[in-house]
Amino acid sequence: MDRKMANRKLIRLSQLKNKLATENLEEIDWVTFGVIVRKVTPQSANNGKTFSIWRLNDLRDLNECVSLFLFGEVHREHWKTDQGMV
């Protein structure tokens, strides 16, 4: 993990909204981690393709969640991931 994180900045999910407002994250090599705290049953888009929505949290501030939409190959590969996984 130390090797993977070398020269990267950790931004907690609960800090993400503030960091997006105050920093240009496109110029920073950053990473975040989240726990799936809620999963919505896979949905169908207007084009008939299926997607998933996960609510992620860093367990530091349970009021600050990020919604992650999974489409295409990512949805097909990960939609069965259990709630509670990191």
N, C-alpha and C. Protein backbone atom coordinates (compact mmCIF):
# COMPACT_ATOMS: atom_id res chain seq x y z
N MET A 1 0.82 -1.18 0.00
CA MET A 1 0.00 0.00 0.00
C MET A 1 0.87 1.25 0.00
N ASP A 2 1.98 1.22 0.75
CA ASP A 2 2.87 2.38 0.77
C ASP A 2 3.38 2.70 -0.63
N ARG A 3 3.71 1.66 -1.40
CA ARG A 3 4.20 1.87 -2.76
C ARG A 3 3.11 2.47 -3.64
N LYS A 4 1.89 1.98 -3.53
CA LYS A 4 0.78 2.49 -4.34
C LYS A 4 0.42 3.93 -3.98
N MET A 5 0.61 4.30 -2.72
CA MET A 5 0.24 5.63 -2.25
C MET A 5 1.37 6.65 -2.38
N ALA A 6 2.56 6.21 -2.77
CA ALA A 6 3.70 7.13 -2.88
C ALA A 6 3.35 8.29 -3.82
N ASN A 7 3.61 9.50 -3.35
CA ASN A 7 3.37 10.73 -4.11
C ASN A 7 1.90 11.01 -4.41
N ARG A 8 1.00 10.35 -3.72
CA ARG A 8 -0.43 10.62 -3.88
C ARG A 8 -0.97 11.25 -2.60
N LYS A 9 -1.99 12.04 -2.77
CA LYS A 9 -2.63 12.70 -1.63
C LYS A 9 -3.92 11.97 -1.29
N LEU A 10 -4.08 11.61 -0.03
CA LEU A 10 -5.32 10.98 0.44
C LEU A 10 -6.33 12.07 0.76
N ILE A 11 -7.49 11.95 0.14
CA ILE A 11 -8.59 12.87 0.43
C ILE A 11 -9.76 12.00 0.91
N ARG A 12 -10.17 12.23 2.14
CA ARG A 12 -11.30 11.46 2.68
C ARG A 12 -12.58 11.85 1.96
N LEU A 13 -13.48 10.90 1.81
CA LEU A 13 -14.75 11.19 1.15
C LEU A 13 -15.49 12.33 1.86
N SER A 14 -15.40 12.36 3.18
CA SER A 14 -16.10 13.42 3.92
C SER A 14 -15.47 14.79 3.67
N GLN A 15 -14.27 14.86 3.11
CA GLN A 15 -13.60 16.12 2.79
C GLN A 15 -13.75 16.48 1.31
N LEU A 16 -14.25 15.58 0.50
CA LEU A 16 -14.23 15.75 -0.94
C LEU A 16 -14.97 17.00 -1.41
N LYS A 17 -16.15 17.25 -0.89
CA LYS A 17 -16.92 18.42 -1.31
C LYS A 17 -16.14 19.71 -1.05
N ASN A 18 -15.56 19.82 0.11
CA ASN A 18 -14.77 21.01 0.46
C ASN A 18 -13.52 21.11 -0.43
N LYS A 19 -12.85 20.00 -0.66
CA LYS A 19 -11.64 20.01 -1.48
C LYS A 19 -11.96 20.39 -2.93
N LEU A 20 -13.09 19.93 -3.45
CA LEU A 20 -13.48 20.29 -4.81
C LEU A 20 -13.73 21.79 -4.94
N ALA A 21 -14.22 22.39 -3.86
CA ALA A 21 -14.51 23.83 -3.89
C ALA A 21 -13.26 24.68 -3.71
N THR A 22 -12.23 24.13 -3.06
CA THR A 22 -11.07 24.97 -2.72
C THR A 22 -9.79 24.61 -3.46
N GLU A 23 -9.73 23.44 -4.09
CA GLU A 23 -8.50 23.02 -4.76
C GLU A 23 -8.81 22.55 -6.17
N ASN A 24 -7.83 22.64 -7.05
CA ASN A 24 -7.96 22.10 -8.40
C ASN A 24 -7.45 20.66 -8.37
N LEU A 25 -8.35 19.71 -8.13
CA LEU A 25 -7.95 18.32 -7.97
C LEU A 25 -7.47 17.68 -9.26
N GLU A 26 -7.74 18.33 -10.39
CA GLU A 26 -7.26 17.79 -11.66
C GLU A 26 -5.74 17.89 -11.76
N GLU A 27 -5.14 18.74 -10.97
CA GLU A 27 -3.70 18.92 -11.00
C GLU A 27 -2.99 18.14 -9.91
N ILE A 28 -3.73 17.37 -9.12
CA ILE A 28 -3.17 16.62 -7.99
C ILE A 28 -3.42 15.12 -8.23
N ASP A 29 -2.41 14.31 -7.93
CA ASP A 29 -2.60 12.86 -7.97
C ASP A 29 -3.16 12.45 -6.60
N TRP A 30 -4.47 12.23 -6.56
CA TRP A 30 -5.12 11.96 -5.29
C TRP A 30 -5.90 10.65 -5.34
N VAL A 31 -6.22 10.15 -4.15
CA VAL A 31 -6.95 8.90 -4.02
C VAL A 31 -7.90 9.03 -2.84
N THR A 32 -8.97 8.26 -2.90
CA THR A 32 -9.92 8.23 -1.79
C THR A 32 -10.37 6.79 -1.58
N PHE A 33 -10.90 6.52 -0.41
CA PHE A 33 -11.42 5.20 -0.08
C PHE A 33 -12.84 5.38 0.44
N GLY A 34 -13.68 4.42 0.18
CA GLY A 34 -15.04 4.49 0.69
C GLY A 34 -15.61 3.11 0.96
N VAL A 35 -16.56 3.09 1.85
CA VAL A 35 -17.30 1.88 2.19
C VAL A 35 -18.67 1.99 1.57
N ILE A 36 -19.15 0.91 0.96
CA ILE A 36 -20.50 0.91 0.39
C ILE A 36 -21.48 0.84 1.56
N VAL A 37 -22.17 1.94 1.83
CA VAL A 37 -23.12 1.96 2.94
C VAL A 37 -24.55 1.72 2.47
N ARG A 38 -24.79 1.85 1.18
CA ARG A 38 -26.13 1.58 0.62
C ARG A 38 -26.01 1.30 -0.86
N LYS A 39 -26.76 0.31 -1.29
CA LYS A 39 -26.83 -0.01 -2.71
C LYS A 39 -28.28 0.06 -3.16
N VAL A 40 -28.50 0.68 -4.30
CA VAL A 40 -29.83 0.71 -4.90
C VAL A 40 -29.91 -0.46 -5.86
N THR A 41 -31.06 -1.12 -5.90
CA THR A 41 -31.27 -2.21 -6.86
C THR A 41 -30.92 -1.70 -8.26
N PRO A 42 -30.18 -2.49 -9.05
CA PRO A 42 -29.82 -2.03 -10.40
C PRO A 42 -31.02 -1.47 -11.15
N GLN A 43 -30.79 -0.37 -11.85
CA GLN A 43 -31.82 0.37 -12.57
C GLN A 43 -31.61 0.24 -14.07
N SER A 44 -32.64 0.51 -14.84
CA SER A 44 -32.53 0.55 -16.30
C SER A 44 -32.61 2.00 -16.76
N ALA A 45 -31.64 2.38 -17.58
CA ALA A 45 -31.63 3.73 -18.15
C ALA A 45 -32.64 3.79 -19.30
N ASN A 46 -32.90 4.99 -19.79
CA ASN A 46 -33.82 5.18 -20.91
C ASN A 46 -33.40 4.40 -22.15
N ASN A 47 -32.10 4.17 -22.29
CA ASN A 47 -31.61 3.42 -23.45
C ASN A 47 -31.65 1.91 -23.24
N GLY A 48 -32.19 1.47 -22.09
CA GLY A 48 -32.34 0.05 -21.81
C GLY A 48 -31.15 -0.60 -21.14
N LYS A 49 -30.07 0.14 -20.98
CA LYS A 49 -28.89 -0.41 -20.33
C LYS A 49 -29.02 -0.30 -18.82
N THR A 50 -28.47 -1.30 -18.13
CA THR A 50 -28.58 -1.37 -16.68
C THR A 50 -27.39 -0.67 -16.01
N PHE A 51 -27.66 -0.03 -14.88
CA PHE A 51 -26.61 0.61 -14.10
C PHE A 51 -26.91 0.45 -12.62
N SER A 52 -25.91 0.70 -11.80
CA SER A 52 -26.05 0.61 -10.34
C SER A 52 -25.70 1.94 -9.71
N ILE A 53 -26.24 2.16 -8.52
CA ILE A 53 -25.89 3.34 -7.73
C ILE A 53 -25.47 2.86 -6.34
N TRP A 54 -24.29 3.28 -5.94
CA TRP A 54 -23.79 2.98 -4.60
C TRP A 54 -23.66 4.29 -3.84
N ARG A 55 -23.97 4.23 -2.54
CA ARG A 55 -23.70 5.36 -1.63
C ARG A 55 -22.45 4.98 -0.85
N LEU A 56 -21.43 5.81 -0.93
CA LEU A 56 -20.15 5.56 -0.28
C LEU A 56 -19.92 6.54 0.86
N ASN A 57 -19.22 6.07 1.90
CA ASN A 57 -18.92 6.90 3.05
C ASN A 57 -17.56 6.48 3.59
N ASP A 58 -16.86 7.38 4.26
CA ASP A 58 -15.56 7.03 4.85
C ASP A 58 -15.66 6.67 6.33
N LEU A 59 -16.87 6.58 6.84
CA LEU A 59 -17.18 6.22 8.23
C LEU A 59 -16.68 7.24 9.24
N ARG A 60 -16.26 8.38 8.77
CA ARG A 60 -15.85 9.46 9.67
C ARG A 60 -17.02 10.39 9.94
N ASP A 61 -17.78 10.71 8.90
CA ASP A 61 -18.96 11.56 9.01
C ASP A 61 -20.07 10.89 8.22
N LEU A 62 -20.97 10.23 8.91
CA LEU A 62 -22.01 9.44 8.24
C LEU A 62 -23.03 10.29 7.50
N ASN A 63 -22.99 11.61 7.68
CA ASN A 63 -23.89 12.50 6.95
C ASN A 63 -23.33 12.88 5.58
N GLU A 64 -22.05 12.64 5.36
CA GLU A 64 -21.40 12.99 4.10
C GLU A 64 -21.19 11.74 3.26
N CYS A 65 -22.04 11.54 2.29
CA CYS A 65 -21.92 10.38 1.39
C CYS A 65 -21.71 10.86 -0.04
N VAL A 66 -21.15 9.99 -0.83
CA VAL A 66 -20.94 10.24 -2.25
C VAL A 66 -21.71 9.17 -3.01
N SER A 67 -22.45 9.58 -4.02
CA SER A 67 -23.15 8.61 -4.87
C SER A 67 -22.24 8.26 -6.04
N LEU A 68 -22.08 6.97 -6.26
CA LEU A 68 -21.25 6.47 -7.35
C LEU A 68 -22.15 5.71 -8.32
N PHE A 69 -22.17 6.13 -9.57
CA PHE A 69 -22.97 5.47 -10.60
C PHE A 69 -22.06 4.56 -11.39
N LEU A 70 -22.46 3.29 -11.53
CA LEU A 70 -21.67 2.30 -12.26
C LEU A 70 -22.40 1.95 -13.55
N PHE A 71 -21.71 2.14 -14.68
CA PHE A 71 -22.28 1.86 -15.99
C PHE A 71 -21.42 0.85 -16.74
N GLY A 72 -21.99 0.28 -17.77
CA GLY A 72 -21.25 -0.55 -18.71
C GLY A 72 -20.51 -1.71 -18.06
N GLU A 73 -19.25 -1.89 -18.47
CA GLU A 73 -18.43 -3.00 -17.98
C GLU A 73 -18.22 -2.93 -16.47
N VAL A 74 -18.07 -1.72 -15.94
CA VAL A 74 -17.88 -1.57 -14.49
C VAL A 74 -19.10 -2.09 -13.75
N HIS A 75 -20.29 -1.76 -14.24
CA HIS A 75 -21.52 -2.27 -13.63
C HIS A 75 -21.55 -3.79 -13.71
N ARG A 76 -21.31 -4.34 -14.89
CA ARG A 76 -21.37 -5.80 -15.06
C ARG A 76 -20.37 -6.53 -14.17
N GLU A 77 -19.21 -5.94 -13.98
CA GLU A 77 -18.16 -6.58 -13.19
C GLU A 77 -18.37 -6.45 -11.68
N HIS A 78 -19.02 -5.36 -11.23
CA HIS A 78 -19.04 -5.09 -9.80
C HIS A 78 -20.43 -5.01 -9.16
N TRP A 79 -21.52 -5.15 -9.89
CA TRP A 79 -22.84 -4.90 -9.30
C TRP A 79 -23.19 -5.83 -8.15
N LYS A 80 -22.55 -6.99 -8.07
CA LYS A 80 -22.83 -7.94 -6.99
C LYS A 80 -22.00 -7.67 -5.72
N THR A 81 -21.13 -6.67 -5.76
CA THR A 81 -20.31 -6.35 -4.58
C THR A 81 -21.23 -6.07 -3.40
N ASP A 82 -20.89 -6.65 -2.26
CA ASP A 82 -21.75 -6.54 -1.08
C ASP A 82 -21.64 -5.18 -0.40
N GLN A 83 -22.75 -4.77 0.18
CA GLN A 83 -22.76 -3.59 1.02
C GLN A 83 -21.80 -3.83 2.16
N GLY A 84 -21.07 -2.83 2.57
CA GLY A 84 -20.07 -2.96 3.63
C GLY A 84 -18.66 -3.17 3.12
N MET A 85 -18.52 -3.41 1.83
CA MET A 85 -17.19 -3.61 1.24
C MET A 85 -16.51 -2.26 1.02
N VAL A 86 -15.19 -2.28 1.04
CA VAL A 86 -14.39 -1.06 0.82
C VAL A 86 -13.99 -1.03 -0.63
